[in-house]
N, C-alpha and C. Protein backbone atom coordinates (compact mmCIF):
# COMPACT_ATOMS: atom_id res chain seq x y z
N UNK A 1 9.38 -27.57 7.21
CA UNK A 1 11.05 -27.34 7.67
C UNK A 1 10.86 -27.47 9.36
N UNK A 2 9.74 -27.56 9.98
CA UNK A 2 9.40 -27.51 11.41
C UNK A 2 9.84 -28.81 12.04
N UNK A 3 10.62 -28.80 12.96
CA UNK A 3 11.22 -30.15 13.51
C UNK A 3 9.98 -30.46 14.51
N UNK A 4 8.85 -30.02 14.93
CA UNK A 4 8.17 -30.18 15.79
C UNK A 4 7.00 -30.97 14.76
N UNK A 5 6.94 -30.76 13.55
CA UNK A 5 5.76 -31.26 12.81
C UNK A 5 6.22 -32.94 12.29
N UNK A 6 5.39 -33.72 12.59
CA UNK A 6 5.83 -35.17 12.64
C UNK A 6 5.44 -35.78 11.01
N UNK A 7 4.94 -34.89 10.44
CA UNK A 7 4.94 -35.08 9.06
C UNK A 7 6.26 -34.96 8.50
N UNK A 8 7.02 -34.03 9.09
CA UNK A 8 8.42 -34.01 8.38
C UNK A 8 9.45 -35.03 8.50
N UNK A 9 9.01 -36.04 9.32
CA UNK A 9 10.03 -37.03 9.76
C UNK A 9 9.75 -38.59 8.98
N UNK A 10 10.84 -39.14 8.53
CA UNK A 10 10.56 -40.20 7.80
C UNK A 10 9.83 -41.48 8.64
N UNK A 11 10.30 -41.24 9.86
CA UNK A 11 9.35 -42.26 10.84
C UNK A 11 7.92 -42.05 10.96
N UNK A 12 7.71 -40.77 10.88
CA UNK A 12 6.09 -40.21 11.06
C UNK A 12 5.80 -40.02 12.62
N UNK A 13 7.27 -39.61 13.30
CA UNK A 13 7.22 -39.23 14.78
C UNK A 13 8.27 -38.42 15.21
N UNK A 14 8.00 -37.78 16.15
CA UNK A 14 9.27 -36.69 16.42
C UNK A 14 10.24 -37.48 17.18
N UNK A 15 11.58 -37.14 17.07
CA UNK A 15 12.63 -37.78 17.69
C UNK A 15 12.52 -37.66 19.40
N UNK A 16 12.67 -38.57 20.30
CA UNK A 16 12.88 -38.41 21.41
C UNK A 16 14.33 -38.45 21.81
N UNK A 17 14.57 -38.60 23.32
CA UNK A 17 16.16 -38.58 23.64
C UNK A 17 16.54 -39.97 23.56
N UNK A 18 16.23 -40.86 22.83
CA UNK A 18 16.80 -42.30 22.56
C UNK A 18 16.60 -42.63 20.88
N UNK A 19 16.44 -41.34 20.19
CA UNK A 19 16.31 -41.41 18.79
C UNK A 19 17.39 -40.79 18.14
N UNK A 20 18.15 -41.69 17.10
CA UNK A 20 19.50 -40.73 16.43
C UNK A 20 19.04 -40.16 15.35
N UNK A 21 19.02 -39.06 14.80
CA UNK A 21 18.59 -38.16 14.08
C UNK A 21 19.96 -37.84 12.72
N UNK A 22 19.55 -38.03 11.56
CA UNK A 22 20.31 -37.98 10.46
C UNK A 22 19.69 -37.04 9.73
N UNK A 23 20.41 -35.90 9.28
CA UNK A 23 19.87 -34.69 8.52
C UNK A 23 20.83 -35.01 7.33
N UNK A 24 20.59 -35.53 6.21
CA UNK A 24 21.36 -36.21 5.26
C UNK A 24 20.61 -36.37 3.83
N UNK A 25 20.29 -35.22 3.05
CA UNK A 25 19.36 -35.63 1.75
C UNK A 25 19.23 -34.24 1.14
N UNK A 26 18.57 -34.16 0.30
CA UNK A 26 17.98 -33.13 -0.36
C UNK A 26 16.67 -32.55 -0.06
N UNK A 27 16.66 -31.49 0.77
CA UNK A 27 14.81 -30.96 0.97
C UNK A 27 14.59 -29.96 0.41
N UNK A 28 13.34 -29.52 0.57
CA UNK A 28 12.78 -28.36 -0.29
C UNK A 28 12.87 -27.42 0.79
N UNK A 29 12.77 -28.08 2.08
CA UNK A 29 12.98 -26.63 3.61
C UNK A 29 13.73 -27.44 4.29
N UNK A 30 15.02 -26.72 4.60
CA UNK A 30 15.82 -27.46 5.55
C UNK A 30 15.28 -27.59 7.21
N UNK A 31 15.77 -28.61 7.98
CA UNK A 31 15.01 -28.33 9.14
C UNK A 31 15.40 -27.26 10.24
N UNK A 32 14.22 -26.63 10.73
CA UNK A 32 14.24 -25.68 11.99
C UNK A 32 13.77 -25.91 13.05
N UNK A 33 14.37 -25.80 13.96
CA UNK A 33 13.65 -25.95 15.49
C UNK A 33 13.17 -24.40 15.96
N UNK A 34 11.81 -24.44 16.01
CA UNK A 34 11.09 -23.13 16.62
C UNK A 34 9.76 -23.31 17.24
N UNK A 35 10.02 -22.40 18.19
CA UNK A 35 9.25 -22.56 19.50
C UNK A 35 8.95 -23.79 20.16
N UNK A 36 10.07 -24.43 20.20
CA UNK A 36 10.04 -25.96 21.00
C UNK A 36 11.56 -26.38 21.60
N UNK A 37 11.23 -27.41 22.46
CA UNK A 37 12.64 -27.64 23.00
C UNK A 37 12.65 -29.05 22.56
N UNK A 38 13.52 -29.37 21.59
CA UNK A 38 13.89 -30.74 20.84
C UNK A 38 14.74 -31.42 21.70
N UNK A 39 14.60 -32.95 21.41
CA UNK A 39 15.84 -33.63 21.89
C UNK A 39 16.20 -34.75 21.28
N UNK A 40 17.25 -35.73 21.06
CA UNK A 40 17.68 -36.39 20.31
C UNK A 40 18.62 -37.28 20.87
N UNK A 41 18.71 -38.50 20.61
CA UNK A 41 20.17 -39.64 21.34
C UNK A 41 21.30 -38.86 20.71
N UNK A 42 21.36 -38.80 19.39
CA UNK A 42 22.58 -38.32 18.43
C UNK A 42 21.93 -37.31 17.43
N UNK A 43 22.73 -36.45 16.81
CA UNK A 43 22.25 -35.86 15.74
C UNK A 43 23.53 -35.44 14.86
N UNK A 44 23.59 -35.60 13.42
CA UNK A 44 24.25 -35.81 12.46
C UNK A 44 23.85 -35.06 11.33
N UNK A 45 24.41 -33.86 10.95
CA UNK A 45 24.26 -33.12 9.77
C UNK A 45 25.17 -33.10 9.03
N UNK A 46 24.86 -33.59 7.60
CA UNK A 46 25.73 -33.83 6.58
C UNK A 46 26.17 -32.63 5.94
N UNK A 47 27.22 -32.52 5.31
CA UNK A 47 27.64 -31.64 4.38
C UNK A 47 26.64 -31.12 3.19
N UNK A 48 26.20 -30.14 3.27
CA UNK A 48 25.34 -29.42 2.40
C UNK A 48 24.05 -29.15 3.12
N UNK A 49 23.70 -29.82 4.31
CA UNK A 49 22.67 -29.50 4.89
C UNK A 49 22.60 -28.52 5.94
N UNK A 50 21.53 -28.21 6.49
CA UNK A 50 21.65 -27.29 7.39
C UNK A 50 20.64 -27.43 8.48
N UNK A 51 20.99 -26.89 10.00
CA UNK A 51 20.03 -26.78 10.96
C UNK A 51 19.87 -25.63 11.70
N UNK A 52 18.77 -25.08 11.99
CA UNK A 52 18.34 -23.75 12.28
C UNK A 52 17.84 -23.84 13.80
N UNK A 53 18.20 -23.40 14.67
CA UNK A 53 17.62 -22.93 15.95
C UNK A 53 17.17 -21.75 16.34
N UNK A 54 15.96 -21.42 16.31
CA UNK A 54 15.32 -20.05 16.66
C UNK A 54 15.54 -19.86 17.86
N UNK A 55 15.48 -18.30 18.19
CA UNK A 55 15.77 -17.85 19.64
C UNK A 55 14.82 -18.11 20.79
N UNK A 56 13.73 -18.99 20.62
CA UNK A 56 12.59 -19.10 21.53
C UNK A 56 12.75 -20.93 21.64
N UNK A 57 13.77 -21.46 21.22
CA UNK A 57 13.98 -23.12 21.17
C UNK A 57 15.45 -23.33 21.55
N UNK A 58 15.33 -24.80 21.58
CA UNK A 58 16.54 -25.42 22.24
C UNK A 58 16.69 -26.89 21.59
N UNK A 59 17.81 -27.31 21.46
CA UNK A 59 18.44 -28.68 20.87
C UNK A 59 19.02 -29.63 22.23
N UNK A 60 18.41 -30.23 22.95
CA UNK A 60 19.48 -31.16 23.87
C UNK A 60 19.88 -32.64 23.07
N UNK A 61 20.91 -33.07 23.27
CA UNK A 61 21.48 -34.36 22.32
C UNK A 61 22.01 -35.04 23.76
N UNK A 62 21.52 -36.46 24.04
CA UNK A 62 22.16 -36.89 25.02
C UNK A 62 23.55 -37.60 24.77
N UNK A 63 23.59 -37.80 23.46
CA UNK A 63 24.97 -38.39 22.78
C UNK A 63 25.53 -37.49 22.11
N UNK A 64 26.28 -38.01 20.90
CA UNK A 64 26.89 -37.21 19.93
C UNK A 64 26.46 -36.30 19.27
N UNK A 65 27.03 -35.31 18.59
CA UNK A 65 26.66 -34.43 17.94
C UNK A 65 27.76 -33.86 16.79
N UNK A 66 27.25 -34.47 15.61
CA UNK A 66 28.49 -34.14 14.45
C UNK A 66 27.81 -33.49 13.26
N UNK A 67 28.36 -32.32 12.92
CA UNK A 67 28.08 -31.52 12.16
C UNK A 67 29.24 -31.21 11.08
N UNK A 68 28.90 -31.52 9.75
CA UNK A 68 29.66 -31.04 8.86
C UNK A 68 29.08 -30.35 7.83
N UNK A 69 27.73 -29.82 8.18
CA UNK A 69 27.01 -28.87 7.25
C UNK A 69 27.08 -27.29 7.99
N UNK A 70 25.90 -27.11 8.12
CA UNK A 70 25.76 -25.70 8.81
C UNK A 70 24.69 -25.83 9.95
N UNK A 71 24.95 -25.26 11.27
CA UNK A 71 24.16 -25.28 12.26
C UNK A 71 24.32 -23.64 12.70
N UNK A 72 22.86 -22.97 12.85
CA UNK A 72 22.88 -21.77 13.03
C UNK A 72 22.01 -21.58 14.13
N UNK A 73 22.64 -21.06 15.40
CA UNK A 73 21.64 -20.61 16.72
C UNK A 73 21.45 -19.12 16.72
N UNK A 74 20.02 -18.84 16.74
CA UNK A 74 19.87 -17.24 16.89
C UNK A 74 19.12 -16.78 17.95
N UNK A 75 19.34 -15.46 18.30
CA UNK A 75 18.96 -14.57 19.60
C UNK A 75 18.13 -13.34 19.47
N UNK A 76 17.39 -12.91 20.23
CA UNK A 76 17.16 -11.50 19.99
C UNK A 76 17.19 -10.96 21.26
N UNK A 77 16.73 -9.61 21.69
CA UNK A 77 17.10 -8.85 22.62
C UNK A 77 16.45 -9.61 23.91
N UNK A 78 15.53 -10.53 23.74
CA UNK A 78 14.79 -10.95 25.27
C UNK A 78 15.00 -12.42 25.13
N UNK A 79 15.46 -13.20 23.88
CA UNK A 79 15.33 -14.45 23.76
C UNK A 79 16.75 -15.09 23.03
N UNK A 80 17.16 -16.21 23.43
CA UNK A 80 18.47 -16.91 23.00
C UNK A 80 18.13 -18.33 23.47
N UNK A 81 18.64 -18.79 21.69
CA UNK A 81 18.64 -20.45 21.92
C UNK A 81 19.60 -21.00 22.46
N UNK A 82 19.52 -22.36 22.50
CA UNK A 82 20.29 -23.49 23.13
C UNK A 82 20.44 -24.63 22.63
N UNK A 83 21.91 -24.89 22.60
CA UNK A 83 22.30 -26.35 22.08
C UNK A 83 23.13 -26.87 23.41
N UNK A 84 22.48 -28.24 23.85
CA UNK A 84 23.22 -28.75 24.80
C UNK A 84 23.72 -30.08 24.25
N UNK A 85 25.11 -30.65 24.47
CA UNK A 85 25.46 -31.78 24.06
C UNK A 85 26.25 -32.47 24.86
N UNK A 86 25.61 -33.94 25.62
CA UNK A 86 26.21 -34.28 26.52
C UNK A 86 27.35 -35.16 26.32
N UNK A 87 27.43 -35.61 24.92
CA UNK A 87 28.57 -36.57 24.05
C UNK A 87 29.74 -35.60 23.81
N UNK A 88 30.28 -35.86 22.54
CA UNK A 88 31.25 -35.17 21.77
C UNK A 88 30.58 -34.42 20.88
N UNK A 89 31.32 -33.31 20.41
CA UNK A 89 30.70 -32.48 19.73
C UNK A 89 31.63 -32.30 18.64
N UNK A 90 31.36 -32.30 17.44
CA UNK A 90 32.22 -32.50 16.03
C UNK A 90 31.74 -31.35 15.23
N UNK A 91 32.60 -30.22 14.50
CA UNK A 91 32.09 -29.61 13.56
C UNK A 91 31.96 -28.23 14.32
N UNK A 92 31.89 -27.13 13.40
CA UNK A 92 31.47 -25.97 13.80
C UNK A 92 30.22 -25.64 14.04
N UNK A 93 29.75 -24.53 15.18
CA UNK A 93 28.40 -24.29 14.66
C UNK A 93 28.63 -22.44 14.76
N UNK A 94 27.37 -21.94 14.26
CA UNK A 94 27.42 -20.38 14.08
C UNK A 94 26.31 -19.85 15.54
N UNK A 95 26.55 -19.05 16.29
CA UNK A 95 25.71 -18.24 17.19
C UNK A 95 25.67 -17.00 16.82
N UNK A 96 24.33 -16.51 16.54
CA UNK A 96 24.43 -15.09 16.16
C UNK A 96 23.44 -14.21 17.41
N UNK A 97 24.37 -13.97 18.21
CA UNK A 97 24.42 -13.04 19.38
C UNK A 97 23.64 -11.63 19.28
N UNK A 98 22.61 -11.50 19.71
CA UNK A 98 22.16 -10.48 19.97
C UNK A 98 22.98 -9.25 21.05
N UNK A 99 23.35 -8.01 20.44
CA UNK A 99 24.12 -7.01 21.45
C UNK A 99 23.43 -5.98 21.49
N UNK A 100 23.20 -5.30 22.35
CA UNK A 100 22.61 -3.99 22.75
C UNK A 100 23.78 -2.95 21.80
N UNK A 101 23.02 -1.85 21.34
CA UNK A 101 23.65 -0.91 20.71
C UNK A 101 24.15 0.10 21.84
N UNK A 102 25.48 0.87 21.58
CA UNK A 102 26.17 1.80 21.98
C UNK A 102 25.40 2.82 22.74
N UNK A 103 24.56 3.30 21.69
CA UNK A 103 23.52 4.90 22.01
C UNK A 103 22.54 4.27 22.49
N UNK A 104 22.09 3.30 23.49
CA UNK A 104 20.80 3.17 23.73
C UNK A 104 20.31 4.35 24.77
N UNK A 105 21.20 4.80 25.42
CA UNK A 105 21.33 6.03 26.29
C UNK A 105 22.11 7.24 25.89
N UNK A 106 22.09 8.37 26.42
CA UNK A 106 22.92 9.62 26.21
C UNK A 106 24.41 9.02 26.79
N UNK A 107 24.66 8.31 27.93
CA UNK A 107 25.93 8.19 28.28
C UNK A 107 26.47 7.02 27.68
N UNK A 108 26.00 6.35 26.23
CA UNK A 108 26.80 5.32 25.67
C UNK A 108 26.31 4.16 26.62
N UNK A 109 25.42 3.64 27.20
CA UNK A 109 25.35 2.66 28.08
C UNK A 109 24.85 1.49 27.77
N UNK A 110 24.70 1.36 26.59
CA UNK A 110 24.16 0.20 26.12
C UNK A 110 24.92 -1.20 25.89
N UNK A 111 25.96 -1.30 26.86
CA UNK A 111 26.77 -2.47 26.77
C UNK A 111 26.14 -3.64 27.13
N UNK A 112 26.35 -4.72 26.68
CA UNK A 112 26.17 -5.91 27.01
C UNK A 112 27.20 -6.87 27.39
N UNK A 113 27.05 -7.88 28.34
CA UNK A 113 28.27 -8.61 28.93
C UNK A 113 27.84 -10.09 28.23
N UNK A 114 28.85 -10.63 27.44
CA UNK A 114 28.61 -11.94 26.60
C UNK A 114 30.15 -12.51 26.88
N UNK A 115 29.72 -13.86 27.00
CA UNK A 115 30.78 -15.12 26.89
C UNK A 115 30.76 -15.68 25.69
N UNK A 116 32.01 -15.86 25.05
CA UNK A 116 31.73 -16.53 23.68
C UNK A 116 31.67 -18.32 23.80
N UNK A 117 30.41 -18.48 23.22
CA UNK A 117 30.03 -19.99 23.12
C UNK A 117 30.95 -21.15 22.39
N UNK A 118 31.59 -20.44 21.53
CA UNK A 118 32.67 -21.66 20.81
C UNK A 118 34.05 -21.01 21.07
N UNK A 119 35.09 -22.26 20.55
CA UNK A 119 36.49 -21.67 20.50
C UNK A 119 36.82 -20.57 19.10
N UNK A 120 36.94 -19.51 19.36
CA UNK A 120 37.37 -18.14 18.11
C UNK A 120 38.29 -17.31 18.75
N UNK A 121 39.16 -17.06 17.87
CA UNK A 121 40.22 -15.93 18.28
C UNK A 121 39.52 -14.72 18.09
N UNK A 122 40.19 -13.61 18.64
CA UNK A 122 39.57 -12.43 18.81
C UNK A 122 39.76 -11.95 17.39
N UNK A 123 40.69 -11.84 16.57
CA UNK A 123 41.15 -11.27 15.37
C UNK A 123 39.81 -11.66 14.37
N UNK A 124 39.31 -13.08 14.26
CA UNK A 124 38.38 -13.57 13.63
C UNK A 124 37.23 -13.25 14.20
N UNK A 125 36.93 -12.81 15.15
CA UNK A 125 35.55 -12.26 15.89
C UNK A 125 35.30 -10.83 15.30
N UNK A 126 36.60 -9.98 15.36
CA UNK A 126 36.54 -8.59 14.92
C UNK A 126 36.17 -8.79 13.38
N UNK A 127 36.99 -9.45 12.74
CA UNK A 127 37.02 -9.73 11.05
C UNK A 127 35.24 -9.79 10.46
N UNK A 128 34.57 -10.61 11.51
CA UNK A 128 33.14 -11.20 11.13
C UNK A 128 32.56 -10.16 11.66
N UNK A 129 32.77 -9.33 12.32
CA UNK A 129 31.76 -8.48 13.01
C UNK A 129 31.88 -6.76 12.85
N UNK A 130 33.31 -6.88 12.33
CA UNK A 130 33.86 -5.10 12.19
C UNK A 130 32.42 -4.04 11.92
N UNK A 131 31.82 -4.82 10.83
CA UNK A 131 30.59 -4.00 10.48
C UNK A 131 29.71 -3.39 11.81
N UNK A 132 29.33 -4.34 12.45
CA UNK A 132 28.31 -3.94 13.60
C UNK A 132 29.17 -3.75 15.13
N UNK A 133 30.17 -3.76 15.36
CA UNK A 133 30.85 -3.47 16.71
C UNK A 133 31.14 -1.84 16.31
N UNK A 134 30.41 -1.34 17.42
CA UNK A 134 30.97 0.46 17.73
C UNK A 134 32.46 0.50 17.47
N UNK A 135 32.77 1.33 16.87
CA UNK A 135 34.09 2.10 17.31
C UNK A 135 34.11 3.33 17.71
N UNK A 136 35.08 3.39 18.71
CA UNK A 136 35.23 4.74 19.88
C UNK A 136 36.74 4.98 19.62
N UNK A 137 36.87 6.09 18.70
CA UNK A 137 38.08 6.31 18.04
C UNK A 137 38.93 5.61 17.60
N UNK A 138 40.08 4.94 18.36
CA UNK A 138 41.21 4.13 17.87
C UNK A 138 40.52 2.62 18.29
N UNK A 139 39.73 2.59 19.26
CA UNK A 139 39.11 1.23 19.66
C UNK A 139 37.91 0.87 19.56
N UNK A 140 37.40 -0.40 19.30
CA UNK A 140 35.97 -1.15 19.47
C UNK A 140 35.51 -1.15 20.67
N UNK A 141 34.26 -0.70 20.74
CA UNK A 141 33.69 -0.96 21.88
C UNK A 141 33.43 -2.48 22.29
N UNK A 142 34.44 -2.90 22.63
CA UNK A 142 34.78 -4.38 22.97
C UNK A 142 35.66 -4.53 23.79
N UNK A 143 35.42 -4.92 25.11
CA UNK A 143 36.38 -5.11 26.00
C UNK A 143 36.58 -6.21 27.04
N UNK A 144 37.61 -6.51 27.37
CA UNK A 144 37.81 -7.58 28.69
C UNK A 144 38.15 -6.56 29.92
N UNK A 145 37.92 -7.00 31.30
CA UNK A 145 38.47 -6.31 32.31
C UNK A 145 39.26 -6.86 32.89
N UNK A 146 40.49 -5.93 33.18
CA UNK A 146 41.58 -6.59 34.23
C UNK A 146 41.14 -6.30 35.43
N UNK A 147 41.21 -7.07 36.05
CA UNK A 147 40.87 -7.38 37.94
C UNK A 147 42.14 -6.37 38.62
N UNK A 148 43.48 -6.86 37.98
CA UNK A 148 44.45 -6.54 38.96
C UNK A 148 44.66 -4.78 38.66
N UNK A 149 44.32 -4.27 37.66
CA UNK A 149 44.21 -2.88 37.42
C UNK A 149 43.05 -2.25 37.75
N UNK A 150 41.82 -3.00 37.66
CA UNK A 150 40.82 -2.53 38.02
C UNK A 150 40.07 -1.36 36.92
N UNK A 151 40.41 -1.86 35.63
CA UNK A 151 39.92 -1.30 34.52
C UNK A 151 39.38 -1.89 33.24
N UNK A 152 38.68 -1.32 32.38
CA UNK A 152 38.30 -2.24 31.27
C UNK A 152 39.53 -1.98 30.21
N UNK A 153 39.78 -3.01 29.18
CA UNK A 153 40.90 -2.61 28.36
C UNK A 153 40.22 -3.04 26.97
N UNK A 154 39.78 -1.54 26.21
CA UNK A 154 39.31 -1.85 25.17
C UNK A 154 39.92 -2.51 23.89
N UNK A 155 39.42 -3.17 23.21
CA UNK A 155 40.78 -3.93 21.66
C UNK A 155 40.73 -2.79 20.71
N UNK A 156 41.86 -2.74 20.53
CA UNK A 156 42.39 -1.52 19.28
C UNK A 156 41.80 -1.83 18.09
N UNK A 157 41.32 -1.18 17.16
CA UNK A 157 40.82 -1.36 15.76
C UNK A 157 42.18 -1.42 14.81
N UNK A 158 43.37 -1.29 15.37
CA UNK A 158 44.56 -1.71 14.36
C UNK A 158 45.07 -3.25 14.92
N UNK A 159 44.95 -3.66 16.00
CA UNK A 159 45.49 -4.85 16.35
C UNK A 159 44.73 -5.76 17.32
N UNK A 160 44.30 -6.63 17.12
CA UNK A 160 43.55 -7.51 17.91
C UNK A 160 43.97 -9.11 18.24
N UNK A 161 44.36 -9.28 18.95
CA UNK A 161 45.52 -10.74 19.19
C UNK A 161 44.56 -11.68 20.07
N UNK A 162 45.03 -12.92 20.38
CA UNK A 162 44.65 -13.89 21.33
C UNK A 162 43.42 -14.46 20.92
N UNK A 163 42.67 -15.28 22.06
CA UNK A 163 41.44 -15.91 21.57
C UNK A 163 40.67 -15.47 22.99
N UNK A 164 39.50 -15.91 22.91
CA UNK A 164 38.49 -15.52 23.91
C UNK A 164 38.74 -16.79 25.19
N UNK A 165 38.88 -15.90 26.34
CA UNK A 165 38.97 -16.91 27.37
C UNK A 165 37.61 -17.66 27.79
N UNK A 166 37.57 -19.10 27.81
CA UNK A 166 36.72 -19.97 28.14
C UNK A 166 36.13 -19.35 29.05
N UNK A 167 34.78 -19.24 29.54
CA UNK A 167 34.06 -18.82 30.33
C UNK A 167 34.10 -17.52 30.85
N UNK A 168 34.94 -16.66 30.50
CA UNK A 168 35.05 -15.13 30.59
C UNK A 168 33.91 -14.27 29.81
N UNK A 169 33.35 -13.14 30.75
CA UNK A 169 32.55 -12.15 30.07
C UNK A 169 33.35 -11.15 29.46
N UNK A 170 32.89 -10.45 28.32
CA UNK A 170 33.47 -9.31 27.56
C UNK A 170 32.21 -8.38 27.38
N UNK A 171 32.62 -7.20 27.47
CA UNK A 171 31.61 -6.03 27.17
C UNK A 171 31.95 -5.54 25.97
N UNK A 172 30.64 -5.53 25.35
CA UNK A 172 30.52 -4.91 23.78
C UNK A 172 29.39 -4.48 23.82
N UNK A 173 29.43 -3.51 22.51
CA UNK A 173 28.19 -2.81 22.00
C UNK A 173 28.27 -2.67 20.74
N UNK A 174 27.19 -2.60 20.07
CA UNK A 174 27.12 -2.39 18.54
C UNK A 174 26.65 -1.02 18.25
N UNK A 175 26.76 -0.90 16.71
CA UNK A 175 26.58 0.47 16.28
C UNK A 175 25.08 0.79 15.83
N UNK A 176 24.23 -0.29 15.64
CA UNK A 176 22.81 -0.25 15.24
C UNK A 176 21.99 0.41 16.11
N UNK A 177 21.18 1.26 15.82
CA UNK A 177 19.95 2.14 16.73
C UNK A 177 19.03 1.12 17.83
N UNK A 178 18.95 0.04 17.13
CA UNK A 178 18.44 -1.10 18.25
C UNK A 178 19.04 -2.20 18.66
N UNK A 179 20.41 -2.00 18.02
CA UNK A 179 21.16 -3.31 18.66
C UNK A 179 21.15 -3.87 17.37
N UNK A 180 22.13 -5.00 17.59
CA UNK A 180 22.67 -6.13 16.41
C UNK A 180 22.92 -7.67 16.46
N UNK A 181 23.02 -8.26 15.80
CA UNK A 181 23.70 -9.54 16.11
C UNK A 181 25.05 -9.82 15.63
N UNK A 182 25.98 -10.06 16.48
CA UNK A 182 27.40 -10.62 16.31
C UNK A 182 27.63 -11.98 16.34
N UNK A 183 28.29 -12.46 15.32
CA UNK A 183 28.49 -14.02 14.94
C UNK A 183 29.38 -14.39 15.76
N UNK A 184 29.46 -15.49 16.40
CA UNK A 184 30.19 -16.28 16.75
C UNK A 184 30.63 -17.68 16.31
N UNK A 185 31.34 -18.08 15.44
CA UNK A 185 31.63 -19.19 14.64
C UNK A 185 32.64 -20.24 15.44
N UNK A 186 32.40 -21.35 15.50
CA UNK A 186 33.76 -22.51 16.13
C UNK A 186 33.23 -23.63 16.85
N UNK A 187 34.10 -24.33 17.28
CA UNK A 187 33.59 -25.49 17.83
C UNK A 187 33.31 -25.29 19.30
N UNK A 188 32.10 -26.24 19.62
CA UNK A 188 31.21 -25.75 20.89
C UNK A 188 32.13 -26.36 21.79
N UNK A 189 31.91 -26.06 22.86
CA UNK A 189 32.26 -26.80 24.47
C UNK A 189 31.16 -27.59 24.75
N UNK A 190 31.70 -28.94 24.95
CA UNK A 190 30.58 -29.69 25.76
C UNK A 190 30.57 -30.22 27.10
N UNK A 191 31.71 -29.98 27.64
CA UNK A 191 32.37 -30.13 29.19
C UNK A 191 31.98 -28.89 29.91
N UNK A 192 32.09 -29.26 31.36
CA UNK A 192 31.71 -28.06 32.35
C UNK A 192 32.99 -26.91 32.21
N UNK A 193 32.90 -25.71 31.92
CA UNK A 193 33.88 -25.03 31.95
C UNK A 193 34.00 -24.14 33.56
N UNK A 194 35.55 -23.70 33.55
CA UNK A 194 35.75 -23.14 34.98
C UNK A 194 36.65 -21.91 34.72
N UNK A 195 36.51 -20.64 35.39
CA UNK A 195 37.33 -19.85 35.41
C UNK A 195 37.83 -19.09 36.82
N UNK A 196 38.91 -19.09 37.25
CA UNK A 196 39.14 -18.53 38.33
C UNK A 196 38.22 -16.87 38.44
N UNK A 197 38.14 -16.63 39.83
CA UNK A 197 37.35 -15.68 40.11
C UNK A 197 38.28 -14.71 40.99
N UNK A 198 38.93 -13.41 40.63
CA UNK A 198 39.69 -12.68 41.28
C UNK A 198 38.75 -11.84 42.25
N UNK A 199 38.95 -11.83 43.62
CA UNK A 199 38.38 -10.83 44.29
C UNK A 199 39.26 -9.76 45.08
């Protein structure tokens, strides 16, 4: 399954930044990028096929990225995978993002600050991750910061509306003893993103 193994490629060589990669077929093992920084000119993943990028790896696509299959990026407490597309990106990706546990110290200070890597609504995020996000009374341990009011606003367990603001960080904590991954699924951004900074 390893991307970096030349014997896994139809041309008997690893893709370079000038090679178009097409993952379309029936494989004993679906491709996986592990412990390497992979490159390609373009990448197409067909329906029924998968591509996985592990937490110590990256994929940089100098052209277009087209996915009608399943693309998964993983992370751990210390390592985070990367997918960079210079051209256009079509299709959803899934990023399994490690988030600290709420109870990593007696004061509940195990919060992580996370920016969504995809276009996704808050309601869909909560639905996908309600088993992993810590619940604090009537709220999730998931909050945005209100600069004008100078306070964190927790998302309530009974209503969660709106979508992630591109480029904005959110505080969150999980309920697992050693932390857990939360899942972001949606279309990825390929252009530079900007957000106003309020002093």
